[in-house]
Protein backbone atom coordinates (compact mmCIF):
# COMPACT_ATOMS: atom_id res chain seq x y z
CA UNK A 1 0.00 0.00 0.00
CA UNK A 2 1.44 3.38 -1.01
CA UNK A 3 2.01 5.76 1.85
CA UNK A 4 2.41 9.55 1.59
CA UNK A 5 4.55 11.43 4.11
CA UNK A 6 3.68 15.14 4.24
CA UNK A 7 6.23 17.45 5.88
CA UNK A 8 5.62 21.17 6.49
CA UNK A 9 8.29 23.60 7.70
CA UNK A 10 8.26 27.03 9.30
CA UNK A 11 11.77 28.41 9.45
CA UNK A 12 12.86 30.67 12.31
CA UNK A 13 12.67 34.36 11.45
CA UNK A 14 16.46 34.75 11.62
CA UNK A 15 17.19 31.84 9.25
CA UNK A 16 18.97 33.24 6.22
CA UNK A 17 18.13 32.48 2.61
CA UNK A 18 21.27 30.35 2.19
CA UNK A 19 20.26 28.08 5.08
CA UNK A 20 16.69 27.78 3.76
CA UNK A 21 18.00 26.89 0.31
CA UNK A 22 20.36 24.31 1.77
CA UNK A 23 17.59 22.84 3.93
CA UNK A 24 15.23 22.45 0.98
CA UNK A 25 17.99 20.99 -1.17
CA UNK A 26 18.98 18.52 1.54
CA UNK A 27 15.34 17.56 2.11
CA UNK A 28 14.83 16.81 -1.58
CA UNK A 29 18.18 14.98 -1.63
CA UNK A 30 16.84 12.39 0.80
CA UNK A 31 15.31 10.53 -2.15
CA UNK A 32 18.75 9.64 -3.46
CA UNK A 33 20.56 9.51 -0.13
CA UNK A 34 18.26 7.21 1.79
CA UNK A 35 19.23 3.60 1.12
CA UNK A 36 17.91 0.55 2.93
CA UNK A 37 20.85 -1.06 4.76
CA UNK A 38 19.54 -4.57 4.11
CA UNK A 39 18.65 -4.34 0.42
CA UNK A 40 21.14 -1.62 -0.53
CA UNK A 41 18.41 0.09 -2.56
CA UNK A 42 16.85 3.52 -2.50
CA UNK A 43 13.34 3.18 -1.13
CA UNK A 44 11.72 6.62 -1.36
CA UNK A 45 9.49 6.26 -4.40
CA UNK A 46 9.13 10.02 -5.00
CA UNK A 47 9.87 13.25 -3.15
CA UNK A 48 8.61 16.67 -4.17
CA UNK A 49 8.40 20.00 -2.47
CA UNK A 50 8.07 23.74 -2.76
CA UNK A 51 7.45 27.06 -1.07
CA UNK A 52 3.93 27.96 0.00
CA UNK A 53 2.01 30.18 -2.41
CA UNK A 54 -1.52 29.78 -1.05
CA UNK A 55 -3.85 32.78 -1.18
CA UNK A 56 -6.16 31.38 1.51
CA UNK A 57 -4.13 32.55 4.50
CA UNK A 58 -4.58 29.32 6.45
CA UNK A 59 -0.96 28.13 6.44
CA UNK A 60 -0.28 29.28 10.04
CA UNK A 61 3.24 30.48 9.18
CA UNK A 62 4.26 27.16 7.59
CA UNK A 63 6.26 28.11 4.52
CA UNK A 64 7.57 24.96 2.81
CA UNK A 65 5.87 21.67 1.96
CA UNK A 66 7.28 18.29 0.95
CA UNK A 67 5.59 15.02 0.03
CA UNK A 68 7.52 11.75 0.10
CA UNK A 69 5.94 8.60 -1.20
CA UNK A 70 6.80 5.16 0.13
CA UNK A 71 5.86 1.79 -1.34
CA UNK A 72 5.02 0.40 2.10
CA UNK A 73 4.58 1.18 5.76
CA UNK A 74 7.76 -0.81 6.39
CA UNK A 75 9.73 1.56 4.12
CA UNK A 76 8.29 4.57 5.94
CA UNK A 77 9.09 3.02 9.30
CA UNK A 78 12.68 2.36 8.21
CA UNK A 79 12.95 5.99 7.08
CA UNK A 80 11.61 7.36 10.36
CA UNK A 81 13.25 4.96 12.80
CA UNK A 82 16.47 3.63 11.27
CA UNK A 83 17.82 5.48 8.24
CA UNK A 84 21.06 7.25 9.25
CA UNK A 85 20.89 9.69 6.30
CA UNK A 86 17.42 10.84 7.42
CA UNK A 87 18.54 11.01 11.06
CA UNK A 88 21.49 13.22 10.14
CA UNK A 89 19.21 15.53 8.13
CA UNK A 90 16.77 15.88 11.03
CA UNK A 91 19.60 16.75 13.45
CA UNK A 92 20.92 19.34 11.00
CA UNK A 93 17.59 21.02 10.08
CA UNK A 94 15.74 21.19 13.42
CA UNK A 95 17.80 24.13 14.78
CA UNK A 96 16.57 26.22 11.81
CA UNK A 97 12.89 25.41 12.37
CA UNK A 98 10.36 27.34 14.41
CA UNK A 99 7.74 24.69 13.75
CA UNK A 100 7.12 21.62 11.64
CA UNK A 101 4.21 19.29 10.97
CA UNK A 102 4.36 15.72 9.70
CA UNK A 103 1.29 13.80 8.51
CA UNK A 104 1.31 10.33 6.96
CA UNK A 105 -1.61 8.91 5.00
CA UNK A 106 -2.63 6.33 2.43
CA UNK A 107 -4.84 7.69 -0.34
CA UNK A 108 -8.49 6.84 0.14
CA UNK A 109 -8.03 5.30 3.58
CA UNK A 110 -10.16 7.14 6.14
PDB file of N, CA and C in Angstrom:
ATOM      1  N   UNK A   1       0.843  -1.179   0.000  1.00  0.00           N
ATOM      2  CA  UNK A   1       0.000   0.000   0.000  1.00  0.00           C
ATOM      3  C   UNK A   1       0.894   1.250   0.000  1.00  0.00           C
ATOM      4  N   UNK A   2       0.673   2.136  -0.951  1.00  0.00           N
ATOM      5  CA  UNK A   2       1.441   3.383  -1.007  1.00  0.00           C
ATOM      6  C   UNK A   2       1.137   4.248   0.206  1.00  0.00           C
ATOM      7  N   UNK A   3       2.167   4.895   0.699  1.00  0.00           N
ATOM      8  CA  UNK A   3       2.010   5.763   1.855  1.00  0.00           C
ATOM      9  C   UNK A   3       2.640   7.109   1.528  1.00  0.00           C
ATOM     10  N   UNK A   4       1.913   8.182   1.798  1.00  0.00           N
ATOM     11  CA  UNK A   4       2.409   9.547   1.593  1.00  0.00           C
ATOM     12  C   UNK A   4       2.854  10.096   2.943  1.00  0.00           C
ATOM     13  N   UNK A   5       3.940  10.843   2.909  1.00  0.00           N
ATOM     14  CA  UNK A   5       4.554  11.427   4.114  1.00  0.00           C
ATOM     15  C   UNK A   5       4.659  12.929   3.839  1.00  0.00           C
ATOM     16  N   UNK A   6       3.763  13.694   4.436  1.00  0.00           N
ATOM     17  CA  UNK A   6       3.685  15.136   4.239  1.00  0.00           C
ATOM     18  C   UNK A   6       4.472  15.844   5.334  1.00  0.00           C
ATOM     19  N   UNK A   7       5.390  16.724   4.932  1.00  0.00           N
ATOM     20  CA  UNK A   7       6.232  17.449   5.877  1.00  0.00           C
ATOM     21  C   UNK A   7       6.090  18.942   5.584  1.00  0.00           C
ATOM     22  N   UNK A   8       5.780  19.722   6.614  1.00  0.00           N
ATOM     23  CA  UNK A   8       5.616  21.168   6.487  1.00  0.00           C
ATOM     24  C   UNK A   8       6.587  21.860   7.421  1.00  0.00           C
ATOM     25  N   UNK A   9       7.292  22.876   6.915  1.00  0.00           N
ATOM     26  CA  UNK A   9       8.293  23.600   7.696  1.00  0.00           C
ATOM     27  C   UNK A   9       7.899  25.066   7.873  1.00  0.00           C
ATOM     28  N   UNK A  10       8.211  25.591   9.042  1.00  0.00           N
ATOM     29  CA  UNK A  10       8.256  27.032   9.298  1.00  0.00           C
ATOM     30  C   UNK A  10       9.665  27.316   9.806  1.00  0.00           C
ATOM     31  N   UNK A  11      10.422  28.070   9.040  1.00  0.00           N
ATOM     32  CA  UNK A  11      11.773  28.411   9.450  1.00  0.00           C
ATOM     33  C   UNK A  11      11.748  29.545  10.466  1.00  0.00           C
ATOM     34  N   UNK A  12      12.725  29.569  11.358  1.00  0.00           N
ATOM     35  CA  UNK A  12      12.863  30.668  12.309  1.00  0.00           C
ATOM     36  C   UNK A  12      13.082  31.965  11.541  1.00  0.00           C
ATOM     37  N   UNK A  13      12.610  33.059  12.116  1.00  0.00           N
ATOM     38  CA  UNK A  13      12.671  34.360  11.447  1.00  0.00           C
ATOM     39  C   UNK A  13      14.099  34.761  11.089  1.00  0.00           C
ATOM     40  N   UNK A  14      15.066  34.343  11.887  1.00  0.00           N
ATOM     41  CA  UNK A  14      16.455  34.746  11.623  1.00  0.00           C
ATOM     42  C   UNK A  14      17.224  33.753  10.741  1.00  0.00           C
ATOM     43  N   UNK A  15      16.522  32.788  10.157  1.00  0.00           N
ATOM     44  CA  UNK A  15      17.185  31.842   9.254  1.00  0.00           C
ATOM     45  C   UNK A  15      17.393  32.519   7.911  1.00  0.00           C
ATOM     46  N   UNK A  16      18.632  32.582   7.476  1.00  0.00           N
ATOM     47  CA  UNK A  16      18.975  33.239   6.218  1.00  0.00           C
ATOM     48  C   UNK A  16      18.570  32.429   4.998  1.00  0.00           C
ATOM     49  N   UNK A  17      18.526  33.115   3.864  1.00  0.00           N
ATOM     50  CA  UNK A  17      18.127  32.480   2.609  1.00  0.00           C
ATOM     51  C   UNK A  17      19.043  31.314   2.241  1.00  0.00           C
ATOM     52  N   UNK A  18      20.342  31.437   2.516  1.00  0.00           N
ATOM     53  CA  UNK A  18      21.270  30.350   2.195  1.00  0.00           C
ATOM     54  C   UNK A  18      20.934  29.087   2.979  1.00  0.00           C
ATOM     55  N   UNK A  19      20.603  29.237   4.256  1.00  0.00           N
ATOM     56  CA  UNK A  19      20.255  28.078   5.084  1.00  0.00           C
ATOM     57  C   UNK A  19      18.933  27.460   4.626  1.00  0.00           C
ATOM     58  N   UNK A  20      17.967  28.299   4.264  1.00  0.00           N
ATOM     59  CA  UNK A  20      16.691  27.784   3.761  1.00  0.00           C
ATOM     60  C   UNK A  20      16.916  27.013   2.467  1.00  0.00           C
ATOM     61  N   UNK A  21      17.715  27.578   1.575  1.00  0.00           N
ATOM     62  CA  UNK A  21      18.003  26.895   0.310  1.00  0.00           C
ATOM     63  C   UNK A  21      18.720  25.573   0.549  1.00  0.00           C
ATOM     64  N   UNK A  22      19.658  25.558   1.474  1.00  0.00           N
ATOM     65  CA  UNK A  22      20.361  24.312   1.770  1.00  0.00           C
ATOM     66  C   UNK A  22      19.415  23.290   2.396  1.00  0.00           C
ATOM     67  N   UNK A  23      18.544  23.748   3.280  1.00  0.00           N
ATOM     68  CA  UNK A  23      17.589  22.837   3.927  1.00  0.00           C
ATOM     69  C   UNK A  23      16.653  22.203   2.905  1.00  0.00           C
ATOM     70  N   UNK A  24      16.143  23.010   1.983  1.00  0.00           N
ATOM     71  CA  UNK A  24      15.228  22.449   0.984  1.00  0.00           C
ATOM     72  C   UNK A  24      15.970  21.505   0.042  1.00  0.00           C
ATOM     73  N   UNK A  25      17.187  21.850  -0.312  1.00  0.00           N
ATOM     74  CA  UNK A  25      17.990  20.987  -1.174  1.00  0.00           C
ATOM     75  C   UNK A  25      18.300  19.667  -0.485  1.00  0.00           C
ATOM     76  N   UNK A  26      18.683  19.748   0.787  1.00  0.00           N
ATOM     77  CA  UNK A  26      18.975  18.517   1.541  1.00  0.00           C
ATOM     78  C   UNK A  26      17.725  17.660   1.705  1.00  0.00           C
ATOM     79  N   UNK A  27      16.587  18.312   1.958  1.00  0.00           N
ATOM     80  CA  UNK A  27      15.341  17.564   2.110  1.00  0.00           C
ATOM     81  C   UNK A  27      15.044  16.796   0.823  1.00  0.00           C
ATOM     82  N   UNK A  28      15.100  17.476  -0.302  1.00  0.00           N
ATOM     83  CA  UNK A  28      14.830  16.810  -1.576  1.00  0.00           C
ATOM     84  C   UNK A  28      15.881  15.751  -1.902  1.00  0.00           C
ATOM     85  N   UNK A  29      17.102  15.936  -1.408  1.00  0.00           N
ATOM     86  CA  UNK A  29      18.176  14.979  -1.629  1.00  0.00           C
ATOM     87  C   UNK A  29      18.016  13.676  -0.872  1.00  0.00           C
ATOM     88  N   UNK A  30      17.070  13.637   0.065  1.00  0.00           N
ATOM     89  CA  UNK A  30      16.841  12.394   0.803  1.00  0.00           C
ATOM     90  C   UNK A  30      16.418  11.260  -0.127  1.00  0.00           C
ATOM     91  N   UNK A  31      15.747  11.585  -1.220  1.00  0.00           N
ATOM     92  CA  UNK A  31      15.308  10.531  -2.148  1.00  0.00           C
ATOM     93  C   UNK A  31      16.493   9.701  -2.640  1.00  0.00           C
ATOM     94  N   UNK A  32      17.581  10.364  -2.976  1.00  0.00           N
ATOM     95  CA  UNK A  32      18.750   9.641  -3.460  1.00  0.00           C
ATOM     96  C   UNK A  32      19.622   9.127  -2.316  1.00  0.00           C
ATOM     97  N   UNK A  33      19.658   9.855  -1.219  1.00  0.00           N
ATOM     98  CA  UNK A  33      20.560   9.507  -0.129  1.00  0.00           C
ATOM     99  C   UNK A  33      20.091   8.387   0.772  1.00  0.00           C
ATOM    100  N   UNK A  34      18.791   8.231   0.893  1.00  0.00           N
ATOM    101  CA  UNK A  34      18.256   7.210   1.791  1.00  0.00           C
ATOM    102  C   UNK A  34      18.275   5.848   1.100  1.00  0.00           C
ATOM    103  N   UNK A  35      19.052   4.942   1.674  1.00  0.00           N
ATOM    104  CA  UNK A  35      19.231   3.596   1.119  1.00  0.00           C
ATOM    105  C   UNK A  35      18.972   2.595   2.237  1.00  0.00           C
ATOM    106  N   UNK A  36      18.195   1.584   1.944  1.00  0.00           N
ATOM    107  CA  UNK A  36      17.910   0.547   2.926  1.00  0.00           C
ATOM    108  C   UNK A  36      19.180  -0.258   3.172  1.00  0.00           C
ATOM    109  N   UNK A  37      19.596  -0.377   4.417  1.00  0.00           N
ATOM    110  CA  UNK A  37      20.846  -1.057   4.764  1.00  0.00           C
ATOM    111  C   UNK A  37      20.818  -2.539   4.400  1.00  0.00           C
ATOM    112  N   UNK A  38      19.650  -3.147   4.424  1.00  0.00           N
ATOM    113  CA  UNK A  38      19.539  -4.570   4.114  1.00  0.00           C
ATOM    114  C   UNK A  38      19.573  -4.824   2.608  1.00  0.00           C
ATOM    115  N   UNK A  39      18.747  -4.100   1.871  1.00  0.00           N
ATOM    116  CA  UNK A  39      18.645  -4.335   0.422  1.00  0.00           C
ATOM    117  C   UNK A  39      19.682  -3.552  -0.383  1.00  0.00           C
ATOM    118  N   UNK A  40      20.207  -2.468   0.190  1.00  0.00           N
ATOM    119  CA  UNK A  40      21.143  -1.624  -0.529  1.00  0.00           C
ATOM    120  C   UNK A  40      20.480  -0.757  -1.588  1.00  0.00           C
ATOM    121  N   UNK A  41      19.158  -0.643  -1.540  1.00  0.00           N
ATOM    122  CA  UNK A  41      18.414   0.091  -2.564  1.00  0.00           C
ATOM    123  C   UNK A  41      17.757   1.341  -1.993  1.00  0.00           C
ATOM    124  N   UNK A  42      17.628   2.337  -2.866  1.00  0.00           N
ATOM    125  CA  UNK A  42      16.853   3.518  -2.501  1.00  0.00           C
ATOM    126  C   UNK A  42      15.401   3.085  -2.350  1.00  0.00           C
ATOM    127  N   UNK A  43      14.704   3.651  -1.401  1.00  0.00           N
ATOM    128  CA  UNK A  43      13.344   3.185  -1.132  1.00  0.00           C
ATOM    129  C   UNK A  43      12.306   4.296  -1.104  1.00  0.00           C
ATOM    130  N   UNK A  44      12.701   5.552  -1.257  1.00  0.00           N
ATOM    131  CA  UNK A  44      11.716   6.622  -1.360  1.00  0.00           C
ATOM    132  C   UNK A  44      11.273   6.657  -2.816  1.00  0.00           C
ATOM    133  N   UNK A  45      10.026   6.383  -3.040  1.00  0.00           N
ATOM    134  CA  UNK A  45       9.493   6.261  -4.402  1.00  0.00           C
ATOM    135  C   UNK A  45       9.497   7.608  -5.121  1.00  0.00           C
ATOM    136  N   UNK A  46       9.075   8.666  -4.433  1.00  0.00           N
ATOM    137  CA  UNK A  46       9.126  10.016  -4.998  1.00  0.00           C
ATOM    138  C   UNK A  46       9.221  11.007  -3.852  1.00  0.00           C
ATOM    139  N   UNK A  47       9.753  12.182  -4.152  1.00  0.00           N
ATOM    140  CA  UNK A  47       9.872  13.250  -3.149  1.00  0.00           C
ATOM    141  C   UNK A  47       9.820  14.580  -3.886  1.00  0.00           C
ATOM    142  N   UNK A  48       8.796  15.356  -3.565  1.00  0.00           N
ATOM    143  CA  UNK A  48       8.614  16.671  -4.175  1.00  0.00           C
ATOM    144  C   UNK A  48       8.443  17.708  -3.079  1.00  0.00           C
ATOM    145  N   UNK A  49       8.597  18.951  -3.451  1.00  0.00           N
ATOM    146  CA  UNK A  49       8.397  20.003  -2.467  1.00  0.00           C
ATOM    147  C   UNK A  49       8.419  21.376  -3.100  1.00  0.00           C
ATOM    148  N   UNK A  50       8.045  22.365  -2.297  1.00  0.00           N
ATOM    149  CA  UNK A  50       8.066  23.737  -2.758  1.00  0.00           C
ATOM    150  C   UNK A  50       7.680  24.699  -1.663  1.00  0.00           C
ATOM    151  N   UNK A  51       7.784  25.991  -2.001  1.00  0.00           N
ATOM    152  CA  UNK A  51       7.451  27.061  -1.071  1.00  0.00           C
ATOM    153  C   UNK A  51       5.961  27.372  -1.175  1.00  0.00           C
ATOM    154  N   UNK A  52       5.351  27.646  -0.050  1.00  0.00           N
ATOM    155  CA  UNK A  52       3.935  27.965  -0.002  1.00  0.00           C
ATOM    156  C   UNK A  52       3.604  29.157  -0.900  1.00  0.00           C
ATOM    157  N   UNK A  53       2.510  29.053  -1.643  1.00  0.00           N
ATOM    158  CA  UNK A  53       2.009  30.180  -2.414  1.00  0.00           C
ATOM    159  C   UNK A  53       0.492  30.283  -2.331  1.00  0.00           C
ATOM    160  N   UNK A  54      -0.071  29.763  -1.243  1.00  0.00           N
ATOM    161  CA  UNK A  54      -1.520  29.778  -1.053  1.00  0.00           C
ATOM    162  C   UNK A  54      -2.024  31.203  -0.851  1.00  0.00           C
ATOM    163  N   UNK A  55      -3.212  31.477  -1.377  1.00  0.00           N
ATOM    164  CA  UNK A  55      -3.854  32.780  -1.183  1.00  0.00           C
ATOM    165  C   UNK A  55      -4.916  32.725  -0.093  1.00  0.00           C
ATOM    166  N   UNK A  56      -5.096  31.553   0.537  1.00  0.00           N
ATOM    167  CA  UNK A  56      -6.158  31.379   1.514  1.00  0.00           C
ATOM    168  C   UNK A  56      -5.811  31.892   2.910  1.00  0.00           C
ATOM    169  N   UNK A  57      -4.532  32.030   3.200  1.00  0.00           N
ATOM    170  CA  UNK A  57      -4.127  32.553   4.499  1.00  0.00           C
ATOM    171  C   UNK A  57      -4.293  31.594   5.664  1.00  0.00           C
ATOM    172  N   UNK A  58      -4.357  30.307   5.389  1.00  0.00           N
ATOM    173  CA  UNK A  58      -4.576  29.321   6.453  1.00  0.00           C
ATOM    174  C   UNK A  58      -3.331  28.508   6.765  1.00  0.00           C
ATOM    175  N   UNK A  59      -2.170  28.933   6.286  1.00  0.00           N
ATOM    176  CA  UNK A  59      -0.955  28.133   6.443  1.00  0.00           C
ATOM    177  C   UNK A  59      -0.298  28.256   7.811  1.00  0.00           C
ATOM    178  N   UNK A  60      -0.777  29.146   8.656  1.00  0.00           N
ATOM    179  CA  UNK A  60      -0.283  29.283  10.037  1.00  0.00           C
ATOM    180  C   UNK A  60       1.238  29.382  10.098  1.00  0.00           C
ATOM    181  N   UNK A  61       1.804  30.185   9.230  1.00  0.00           N
ATOM    182  CA  UNK A  61       3.238  30.479   9.182  1.00  0.00           C
ATOM    183  C   UNK A  61       4.101  29.331   8.666  1.00  0.00           C
ATOM    184  N   UNK A  62       3.501  28.236   8.235  1.00  0.00           N
ATOM    185  CA  UNK A  62       4.259  27.162   7.594  1.00  0.00           C
ATOM    186  C   UNK A  62       4.574  27.619   6.174  1.00  0.00           C
ATOM    187  N   UNK A  63       5.822  27.480   5.765  1.00  0.00           N
ATOM    188  CA  UNK A  63       6.255  28.109   4.517  1.00  0.00           C
ATOM    189  C   UNK A  63       6.696  27.141   3.425  1.00  0.00           C
ATOM    190  N   UNK A  64       7.052  25.916   3.786  1.00  0.00           N
ATOM    191  CA  UNK A  64       7.571  24.965   2.808  1.00  0.00           C
ATOM    192  C   UNK A  64       6.898  23.605   3.017  1.00  0.00           C
ATOM    193  N   UNK A  65       6.557  22.956   1.904  1.00  0.00           N
ATOM    194  CA  UNK A  65       5.875  21.665   1.963  1.00  0.00           C
ATOM    195  C   UNK A  65       6.626  20.632   1.128  1.00  0.00           C
ATOM    196  N   UNK A  66       6.632  19.404   1.633  1.00  0.00           N
ATOM    197  CA  UNK A  66       7.276  18.286   0.947  1.00  0.00           C
ATOM    198  C   UNK A  66       6.369  17.067   1.058  1.00  0.00           C
ATOM    199  N   UNK A  67       6.343  16.269   0.003  1.00  0.00           N
ATOM    200  CA  UNK A  67       5.591  15.016   0.028  1.00  0.00           C
ATOM    201  C   UNK A  67       6.516  13.903  -0.443  1.00  0.00           C
ATOM    202  N   UNK A  68       6.768  12.957   0.451  1.00  0.00           N
ATOM    203  CA  UNK A  68       7.519  11.753   0.102  1.00  0.00           C
ATOM    204  C   UNK A  68       6.519  10.619  -0.056  1.00  0.00           C
ATOM    205  N   UNK A  69       6.805   9.744  -0.987  1.00  0.00           N
ATOM    206  CA  UNK A  69       5.935   8.598  -1.199  1.00  0.00           C
ATOM    207  C   UNK A  69       6.740   7.326  -0.990  1.00  0.00           C
ATOM    208  N   UNK A  70       6.172   6.441  -0.181  1.00  0.00           N
ATOM    209  CA  UNK A  70       6.801   5.160   0.127  1.00  0.00           C
ATOM    210  C   UNK A  70       5.923   4.035  -0.404  1.00  0.00           C
ATOM    211  N   UNK A  71       6.567   2.960  -0.824  1.00  0.00           N
ATOM    212  CA  UNK A  71       5.863   1.790  -1.340  1.00  0.00           C
ATOM    213  C   UNK A  71       5.107   1.062  -0.228  1.00  0.00           C
ATOM    214  N   UNK A  72       5.612   1.168   1.006  1.00  0.00           N
ATOM    215  CA  UNK A  72       5.016   0.401   2.099  1.00  0.00           C
ATOM    216  C   UNK A  72       5.213   1.114   3.437  1.00  0.00           C
ATOM    217  N   UNK A  73       4.434   0.676   4.393  1.00  0.00           N
ATOM    218  CA  UNK A  73       4.584   1.181   5.761  1.00  0.00           C
ATOM    219  C   UNK A  73       5.956   0.801   6.303  1.00  0.00           C
ATOM    220  N   UNK A  74       6.441  -0.367   5.928  1.00  0.00           N
ATOM    221  CA  UNK A  74       7.761  -0.806   6.386  1.00  0.00           C
ATOM    222  C   UNK A  74       8.857   0.142   5.897  1.00  0.00           C
ATOM    223  N   UNK A  75       8.751   0.596   4.637  1.00  0.00           N
ATOM    224  CA  UNK A  75       9.731   1.559   4.123  1.00  0.00           C
ATOM    225  C   UNK A  75       9.659   2.870   4.892  1.00  0.00           C
ATOM    226  N   UNK A  76       8.441   3.342   5.151  1.00  0.00           N
ATOM    227  CA  UNK A  76       8.285   4.569   5.940  1.00  0.00           C
ATOM    228  C   UNK A  76       8.852   4.400   7.339  1.00  0.00           C
ATOM    229  N   UNK A  77       8.590   3.258   7.948  1.00  0.00           N
ATOM    230  CA  UNK A  77       9.093   3.017   9.301  1.00  0.00           C
ATOM    231  C   UNK A  77      10.618   2.977   9.323  1.00  0.00           C
ATOM    232  N   UNK A  78      11.224   2.378   8.300  1.00  0.00           N
ATOM    233  CA  UNK A  78      12.683   2.363   8.211  1.00  0.00           C
ATOM    234  C   UNK A  78      13.210   3.796   8.104  1.00  0.00           C
ATOM    235  N   UNK A  79      12.584   4.589   7.268  1.00  0.00           N
ATOM    236  CA  UNK A  79      12.954   5.994   7.078  1.00  0.00           C
ATOM    237  C   UNK A  79      12.907   6.759   8.399  1.00  0.00           C
ATOM    238  N   UNK A  80      11.818   6.617   9.114  1.00  0.00           N
ATOM    239  CA  UNK A  80      11.614   7.364  10.361  1.00  0.00           C
ATOM    240  C   UNK A  80      12.488   6.850  11.496  1.00  0.00           C
ATOM    241  N   UNK A  81      12.624   5.541  11.611  1.00  0.00           N
ATOM    242  CA  UNK A  81      13.253   4.956  12.798  1.00  0.00           C
ATOM    243  C   UNK A  81      14.700   4.515  12.645  1.00  0.00           C
ATOM    244  N   UNK A  82      15.167   4.260  11.419  1.00  0.00           N
ATOM    245  CA  UNK A  82      16.474   3.632  11.272  1.00  0.00           C
ATOM    246  C   UNK A  82      17.438   4.305  10.306  1.00  0.00           C
ATOM    247  N   UNK A  83      16.929   4.989   9.298  1.00  0.00           N
ATOM    248  CA  UNK A  83      17.815   5.479   8.242  1.00  0.00           C
ATOM    249  C   UNK A  83      18.783   6.536   8.776  1.00  0.00           C
ATOM    250  N   UNK A  84      20.095   6.295   8.707  1.00  0.00           N
ATOM    251  CA  UNK A  84      21.060   7.253   9.247  1.00  0.00           C
ATOM    252  C   UNK A  84      21.125   8.549   8.438  1.00  0.00           C
ATOM    253  N   UNK A  85      20.867   8.488   7.141  1.00  0.00           N
ATOM    254  CA  UNK A  85      20.886   9.688   6.299  1.00  0.00           C
ATOM    255  C   UNK A  85      19.756  10.631   6.729  1.00  0.00           C
ATOM    256  N   UNK A  86      18.578  10.064   6.949  1.00  0.00           N
ATOM    257  CA  UNK A  86      17.424  10.842   7.417  1.00  0.00           C
ATOM    258  C   UNK A  86      17.682  11.383   8.824  1.00  0.00           C
ATOM    259  N   UNK A  87      18.238  10.566   9.698  1.00  0.00           N
ATOM    260  CA  UNK A  87      18.535  11.007  11.064  1.00  0.00           C
ATOM    261  C   UNK A  87      19.503  12.179  11.063  1.00  0.00           C
ATOM    262  N   UNK A  88      20.520  12.127  10.223  1.00  0.00           N
ATOM    263  CA  UNK A  88      21.488  13.224  10.140  1.00  0.00           C
ATOM    264  C   UNK A  88      20.814  14.491   9.638  1.00  0.00           C
ATOM    265  N   UNK A  89      19.934  14.360   8.643  1.00  0.00           N
ATOM    266  CA  UNK A  89      19.213  15.530   8.134  1.00  0.00           C
ATOM    267  C   UNK A  89      18.362  16.159   9.231  1.00  0.00           C
ATOM    268  N   UNK A  90      17.621  15.344   9.958  1.00  0.00           N
ATOM    269  CA  UNK A  90      16.773  15.878  11.034  1.00  0.00           C
ATOM    270  C   UNK A  90      17.611  16.635  12.056  1.00  0.00           C
ATOM    271  N   UNK A  91      18.722  16.079  12.478  1.00  0.00           N
ATOM    272  CA  UNK A  91      19.595  16.748  13.448  1.00  0.00           C
ATOM    273  C   UNK A  91      20.105  18.074  12.909  1.00  0.00           C
ATOM    274  N   UNK A  92      20.396  18.119  11.607  1.00  0.00           N
ATOM    275  CA  UNK A  92      20.917  19.341  10.997  1.00  0.00           C
ATOM    276  C   UNK A  92      19.827  20.402  10.859  1.00  0.00           C
ATOM    277  N   UNK A  93      18.617  20.030  10.425  1.00  0.00           N
ATOM    278  CA  UNK A  93      17.594  21.022  10.082  1.00  0.00           C
ATOM    279  C   UNK A  93      16.816  21.562  11.280  1.00  0.00           C
ATOM    280  N   UNK A  94      16.600  20.776  12.309  1.00  0.00           N
ATOM    281  CA  UNK A  94      15.739  21.190  13.421  1.00  0.00           C
ATOM    282  C   UNK A  94      16.156  22.533  14.045  1.00  0.00           C
ATOM    283  N   UNK A  95      17.444  22.825  14.210  1.00  0.00           N
ATOM    284  CA  UNK A  95      17.798  24.128  14.779  1.00  0.00           C
ATOM    285  C   UNK A  95      17.336  25.340  13.947  1.00  0.00           C
ATOM    286  N   UNK A  96      17.033  25.137  12.673  1.00  0.00           N
ATOM    287  CA  UNK A  96      16.570  26.223  11.815  1.00  0.00           C
ATOM    288  C   UNK A  96      15.054  26.385  11.838  1.00  0.00           C
ATOM    289  N   UNK A  97      14.348  25.439  12.449  1.00  0.00           N
ATOM    290  CA  UNK A  97      12.891  25.415  12.365  1.00  0.00           C
ATOM    291  C   UNK A  97      12.223  25.996  13.600  1.00  0.00           C
ATOM    292  N   UNK A  98      11.246  26.838  13.360  1.00  0.00           N
ATOM    293  CA  UNK A  98      10.361  27.338  14.411  1.00  0.00           C
ATOM    294  C   UNK A  98       9.283  26.303  14.702  1.00  0.00           C
ATOM    295  N   UNK A  99       8.824  25.650  13.632  1.00  0.00           N
ATOM    296  CA  UNK A  99       7.737  24.692  13.748  1.00  0.00           C
ATOM    297  C   UNK A  99       7.805  23.738  12.557  1.00  0.00           C
ATOM    298  N   UNK A 100       7.283  22.544  12.743  1.00  0.00           N
ATOM    299  CA  UNK A 100       7.122  21.622  11.636  1.00  0.00           C
ATOM    300  C   UNK A 100       5.951  20.704  11.938  1.00  0.00           C
ATOM    301  N   UNK A 101       5.345  20.202  10.871  1.00  0.00           N
ATOM    302  CA  UNK A 101       4.211  19.291  10.974  1.00  0.00           C
ATOM    303  C   UNK A 101       4.499  18.118  10.048  1.00  0.00           C
ATOM    304  N   UNK A 102       4.198  16.915  10.519  1.00  0.00           N
ATOM    305  CA  UNK A 102       4.356  15.717   9.698  1.00  0.00           C
ATOM    306  C   UNK A 102       3.052  14.939   9.776  1.00  0.00           C
ATOM    307  N   UNK A 103       2.521  14.586   8.611  1.00  0.00           N
ATOM    308  CA  UNK A 103       1.290  13.795   8.514  1.00  0.00           C
ATOM    309  C   UNK A 103       1.534  12.691   7.501  1.00  0.00           C
ATOM    310  N   UNK A 104       1.205  11.460   7.867  1.00  0.00           N
ATOM    311  CA  UNK A 104       1.309  10.329   6.955  1.00  0.00           C
ATOM    312  C   UNK A 104      -0.096   9.836   6.632  1.00  0.00           C
ATOM    313  N   UNK A 105      -0.298   9.426   5.381  1.00  0.00           N
ATOM    314  CA  UNK A 105      -1.608   8.908   4.997  1.00  0.00           C
ATOM    315  C   UNK A 105      -1.480   7.991   3.781  1.00  0.00           C
ATOM    316  N   UNK A 106      -2.465   7.152   3.630  1.00  0.00           N
ATOM    317  CA  UNK A 106      -2.634   6.332   2.426  1.00  0.00           C
ATOM    318  C   UNK A 106      -3.856   6.866   1.722  1.00  0.00           C
ATOM    319  N   UNK A 107      -3.737   7.108   0.409  1.00  0.00           N
ATOM    320  CA  UNK A 107      -4.837   7.692  -0.342  1.00  0.00           C
ATOM    321  C   UNK A 107      -6.095   6.839  -0.228  1.00  0.00           C
ATOM    322  N   UNK A 108      -7.213   7.504   0.071  1.00  0.00           N
ATOM    323  CA  UNK A 108      -8.492   6.843   0.144  1.00  0.00           C
ATOM    324  C   UNK A 108      -8.776   6.048   1.394  1.00  0.00           C
ATOM    325  N   UNK A 109      -7.818   6.031   2.325  1.00  0.00           N
ATOM    326  CA  UNK A 109      -8.028   5.296   3.580  1.00  0.00           C
ATOM    327  C   UNK A 109      -8.402   6.307   4.652  1.00  0.00           C
ATOM    328  N   UNK A 110      -9.640   6.196   5.138  1.00  0.00           N
ATOM    329  CA  UNK A 110     -10.159   7.143   6.139  1.00  0.00           C
ATOM    330  C   UNK A 110     -10.557   6.446   7.410  1.00  0.00           C
TER     331      UNK A 110
END
